[in-house]
N, C-alpha and C. Protein backbone atom coordinates (compact mmCIF):
# COMPACT_ATOMS: atom_id res chain seq x y z
N MET A 1 -96.94 53.85 -54.78
CA MET A 1 -97.73 54.52 -53.98
C MET A 1 -97.88 55.90 -53.75
N SER A 2 -96.94 56.53 -53.97
CA SER A 2 -96.61 57.85 -53.97
C SER A 2 -97.82 58.52 -54.81
N LEU A 3 -97.59 58.01 -56.20
CA LEU A 3 -98.65 58.49 -57.11
C LEU A 3 -100.13 58.14 -56.51
N ASP A 4 -100.32 57.11 -55.85
CA ASP A 4 -101.69 56.77 -55.32
C ASP A 4 -102.27 57.78 -54.18
N ILE A 5 -101.15 58.22 -53.36
CA ILE A 5 -101.30 59.00 -51.77
C ILE A 5 -101.60 60.57 -53.23
N ILE A 6 -100.85 60.92 -53.86
CA ILE A 6 -100.84 62.16 -55.05
C ILE A 6 -102.39 62.32 -55.11
N ARG A 7 -103.03 61.24 -55.56
CA ARG A 7 -104.24 61.45 -56.56
C ARG A 7 -104.98 61.19 -55.83
N VAL A 8 -105.04 60.93 -54.33
CA VAL A 8 -106.12 60.97 -52.91
C VAL A 8 -105.76 62.72 -52.64
N PHE A 9 -105.17 62.67 -52.91
CA PHE A 9 -104.88 64.35 -52.46
C PHE A 9 -104.98 65.44 -53.38
N ASN A 10 -105.18 64.80 -54.61
CA ASN A 10 -105.59 66.28 -55.61
C ASN A 10 -107.48 66.02 -55.23
N GLY A 11 -108.02 65.03 -54.82
CA GLY A 11 -109.47 65.00 -54.67
C GLY A 11 -109.63 65.52 -53.38
N ILE A 12 -108.85 65.89 -52.28
CA ILE A 12 -109.39 66.60 -51.41
C ILE A 12 -109.42 68.37 -51.53
N LEU A 13 -110.53 68.79 -51.17
CA LEU A 13 -111.11 70.19 -50.68
C LEU A 13 -110.28 70.91 -50.19
N ASN A 14 -109.54 72.04 -49.92
CA ASN A 14 -109.14 72.94 -49.52
C ASN A 14 -107.88 72.46 -48.74
N ARG A 15 -106.99 71.89 -49.79
CA ARG A 15 -105.81 70.97 -49.82
C ARG A 15 -104.77 72.38 -49.35
N TYR A 16 -103.66 72.42 -48.47
CA TYR A 16 -102.68 73.45 -48.70
C TYR A 16 -101.40 72.97 -48.81
N VAL A 17 -100.91 71.67 -48.45
CA VAL A 17 -99.75 70.99 -49.01
C VAL A 17 -99.48 69.62 -49.25
N PHE A 18 -98.54 69.02 -49.97
CA PHE A 18 -98.55 67.74 -49.78
C PHE A 18 -97.02 67.77 -49.33
N LEU A 19 -96.29 67.22 -48.78
CA LEU A 19 -95.00 66.88 -47.88
C LEU A 19 -94.73 65.60 -48.35
N HIS A 20 -93.82 64.79 -49.02
CA HIS A 20 -93.82 63.30 -49.24
C HIS A 20 -92.27 63.29 -48.65
N VAL A 21 -91.75 63.07 -47.64
CA VAL A 21 -90.12 62.78 -47.10
C VAL A 21 -89.81 61.45 -47.55
N SER A 22 -88.57 61.56 -48.31
CA SER A 22 -88.08 60.59 -48.56
C SER A 22 -86.63 60.75 -49.04
N THR A 23 -86.29 62.15 -48.94
CA THR A 23 -84.59 61.84 -49.43
C THR A 23 -83.74 61.15 -49.10
N THR A 24 -83.74 60.98 -47.80
CA THR A 24 -82.50 60.17 -47.32
C THR A 24 -82.70 58.47 -48.10
N TYR A 25 -83.57 58.44 -48.13
CA TYR A 25 -84.01 56.71 -48.76
C TYR A 25 -84.05 56.56 -50.01
N CYS A 26 -84.30 58.07 -50.90
CA CYS A 26 -84.15 57.33 -52.26
C CYS A 26 -82.77 58.01 -52.42
N ASN A 27 -81.70 58.25 -51.76
CA ASN A 27 -80.21 59.05 -51.98
C ASN A 27 -79.42 58.36 -50.92
N CYS A 28 -79.49 57.29 -50.81
CA CYS A 28 -78.71 56.09 -49.86
C CYS A 28 -77.36 56.50 -50.33
N ASN A 29 -77.25 56.44 -51.61
CA ASN A 29 -75.89 55.93 -52.25
C ASN A 29 -74.76 57.17 -51.69
N ARG A 30 -75.88 58.41 -51.48
CA ARG A 30 -74.61 59.59 -50.87
C ARG A 30 -74.30 59.56 -49.56
N VAL A 31 -73.00 59.88 -49.25
CA VAL A 31 -72.40 60.09 -48.36
C VAL A 31 -72.98 61.19 -47.10
N ASN A 32 -73.40 62.12 -47.60
CA ASN A 32 -73.79 63.49 -47.09
C ASN A 32 -75.31 63.98 -48.31
N VAL A 33 -76.37 63.73 -47.22
CA VAL A 33 -77.46 63.98 -48.12
C VAL A 33 -77.71 65.59 -47.53
N GLU A 34 -78.04 66.21 -48.59
CA GLU A 34 -78.83 67.89 -48.03
C GLU A 34 -80.29 67.47 -48.32
N GLU A 35 -80.79 68.73 -47.52
CA GLU A 35 -82.10 68.65 -47.36
C GLU A 35 -82.37 69.56 -48.95
N LYS A 36 -82.70 69.01 -49.73
CA LYS A 36 -82.94 69.81 -51.62
C LYS A 36 -83.30 68.59 -52.06
N VAL A 37 -83.70 69.05 -53.46
CA VAL A 37 -84.22 68.07 -54.10
C VAL A 37 -82.79 68.02 -55.18
N TYR A 38 -83.01 66.58 -55.21
CA TYR A 38 -81.91 66.30 -56.28
C TYR A 38 -82.65 65.59 -57.29
N GLU A 39 -81.67 66.28 -58.64
CA GLU A 39 -82.39 66.08 -59.93
C GLU A 39 -82.24 64.81 -60.28
N SER A 40 -83.31 64.12 -60.87
CA SER A 40 -83.41 62.56 -61.13
C SER A 40 -82.74 62.61 -62.39
N PRO A 41 -82.07 61.67 -62.91
CA PRO A 41 -81.86 60.93 -64.29
C PRO A 41 -82.86 60.74 -65.36
N ILE A 42 -83.80 60.42 -64.83
CA ILE A 42 -84.97 59.89 -65.64
C ILE A 42 -86.51 60.72 -64.95
N SER A 43 -87.30 60.97 -65.78
CA SER A 43 -88.50 61.95 -65.24
C SER A 43 -89.55 60.55 -64.40
N TRP A 44 -90.42 60.50 -63.44
CA TRP A 44 -91.18 60.18 -63.07
C TRP A 44 -92.02 59.59 -63.75
N GLN A 45 -92.26 60.03 -65.05
CA GLN A 45 -93.26 59.05 -65.64
C GLN A 45 -92.36 58.08 -66.77
N ASP A 46 -91.33 58.51 -66.92
CA ASP A 46 -90.38 57.15 -67.36
C ASP A 46 -90.51 56.05 -66.21
N ALA A 47 -90.00 56.62 -65.22
CA ALA A 47 -89.70 55.15 -63.90
C ALA A 47 -90.98 54.73 -64.19
N ILE A 48 -92.09 55.22 -64.07
CA ILE A 48 -93.42 54.21 -63.94
C ILE A 48 -93.17 53.60 -64.82
N THR A 49 -93.27 53.65 -66.17
CA THR A 49 -93.32 53.41 -67.26
C THR A 49 -92.68 52.24 -67.53
N ILE A 50 -91.20 52.38 -66.79
CA ILE A 50 -90.23 51.34 -66.81
C ILE A 50 -90.69 50.33 -65.78
N ALA A 51 -91.46 50.78 -64.71
CA ALA A 51 -91.35 49.71 -63.36
C ALA A 51 -92.25 49.02 -64.08
N GLU A 52 -93.45 49.40 -64.78
CA GLU A 52 -94.93 48.50 -65.06
C GLU A 52 -94.46 47.88 -66.21
N ASN A 53 -93.41 47.92 -66.86
CA ASN A 53 -93.65 47.14 -68.45
C ASN A 53 -92.20 46.25 -68.13
N VAL A 54 -91.33 46.56 -67.39
CA VAL A 54 -89.92 45.20 -67.45
C VAL A 54 -90.17 44.36 -66.70
N ASP A 55 -89.57 43.36 -67.58
CA ASP A 55 -89.64 41.99 -67.58
C ASP A 55 -89.39 41.73 -65.76
N PRO A 56 -90.28 41.10 -65.50
CA PRO A 56 -89.84 40.20 -64.20
C PRO A 56 -88.44 39.63 -63.49
N LYS A 57 -87.86 38.75 -64.55
CA LYS A 57 -87.07 38.22 -64.58
C LYS A 57 -85.62 38.94 -64.54
N LEU A 58 -86.10 39.91 -65.54
CA LEU A 58 -85.09 40.45 -65.75
C LEU A 58 -84.96 42.38 -64.58
N SER A 59 -85.99 42.31 -64.09
CA SER A 59 -85.83 43.32 -62.83
C SER A 59 -84.99 42.38 -61.57
N GLU A 60 -85.15 41.28 -61.52
CA GLU A 60 -84.62 40.68 -60.52
C GLU A 60 -83.29 40.37 -60.78
N ILE A 61 -82.70 40.09 -62.13
CA ILE A 61 -81.22 40.10 -62.31
C ILE A 61 -80.27 41.53 -61.91
N CYS A 62 -81.30 42.53 -62.54
CA CYS A 62 -80.52 43.60 -62.27
C CYS A 62 -80.56 44.37 -60.87
N THR A 63 -81.54 43.72 -60.47
CA THR A 63 -81.93 44.11 -58.71
C THR A 63 -80.51 43.45 -57.83
N LYS A 64 -80.07 42.05 -58.40
CA LYS A 64 -79.53 41.59 -57.25
C LYS A 64 -78.00 42.21 -57.99
N ASN A 65 -77.59 42.29 -59.06
CA ASN A 65 -76.64 43.07 -59.72
C ASN A 65 -75.96 44.19 -59.24
N ASN A 66 -77.19 45.15 -59.24
CA ASN A 66 -76.87 46.65 -58.90
C ASN A 66 -77.09 46.93 -57.31
N SER A 67 -77.91 45.98 -56.32
CA SER A 67 -77.97 46.89 -55.17
C SER A 67 -76.89 46.42 -53.93
N ASP A 68 -75.83 45.98 -54.42
CA ASP A 68 -75.13 45.44 -53.14
C ASP A 68 -74.55 46.90 -52.40
N PHE A 69 -74.00 47.60 -52.92
CA PHE A 69 -73.50 49.13 -51.91
C PHE A 69 -74.85 49.82 -52.02
N LEU A 70 -76.01 49.80 -52.07
CA LEU A 70 -77.42 49.97 -51.32
C LEU A 70 -78.07 49.81 -49.87
N ILE A 71 -78.12 50.74 -48.89
CA ILE A 71 -78.44 49.97 -48.08
C ILE A 71 -79.72 50.03 -47.69
N ASP A 72 -80.64 48.90 -47.62
CA ASP A 72 -82.15 48.44 -47.57
C ASP A 72 -82.91 49.19 -45.99
N GLU A 73 -83.35 50.21 -45.74
CA GLU A 73 -84.10 50.46 -44.37
C GLU A 73 -85.23 50.10 -43.93
N TYR A 74 -85.66 49.32 -45.24
CA TYR A 74 -87.13 48.57 -45.03
C TYR A 74 -86.75 47.31 -44.51
N GLN A 75 -85.69 46.43 -44.59
CA GLN A 75 -85.50 44.71 -44.33
C GLN A 75 -85.51 45.03 -42.99
N THR A 76 -86.12 43.67 -42.30
CA THR A 76 -86.25 43.62 -40.71
C THR A 76 -85.29 42.59 -40.28
């Protein structure tokens, strides 16, 4: 979704700034989250490639095995 928003933003004339606030949500494994950009272990291009090509069953297994410690702010 963020990539789609950036594509729309790039099509706007007279644009000044694009701000995407998600540091807290994407660093929920940290005890203290600072207002800074944390280095990613992989590039955004690789993350998109993986997301678009991963086997759905493998994704489900990995999610179940690796997300117990993460906080899901989007659950209702």
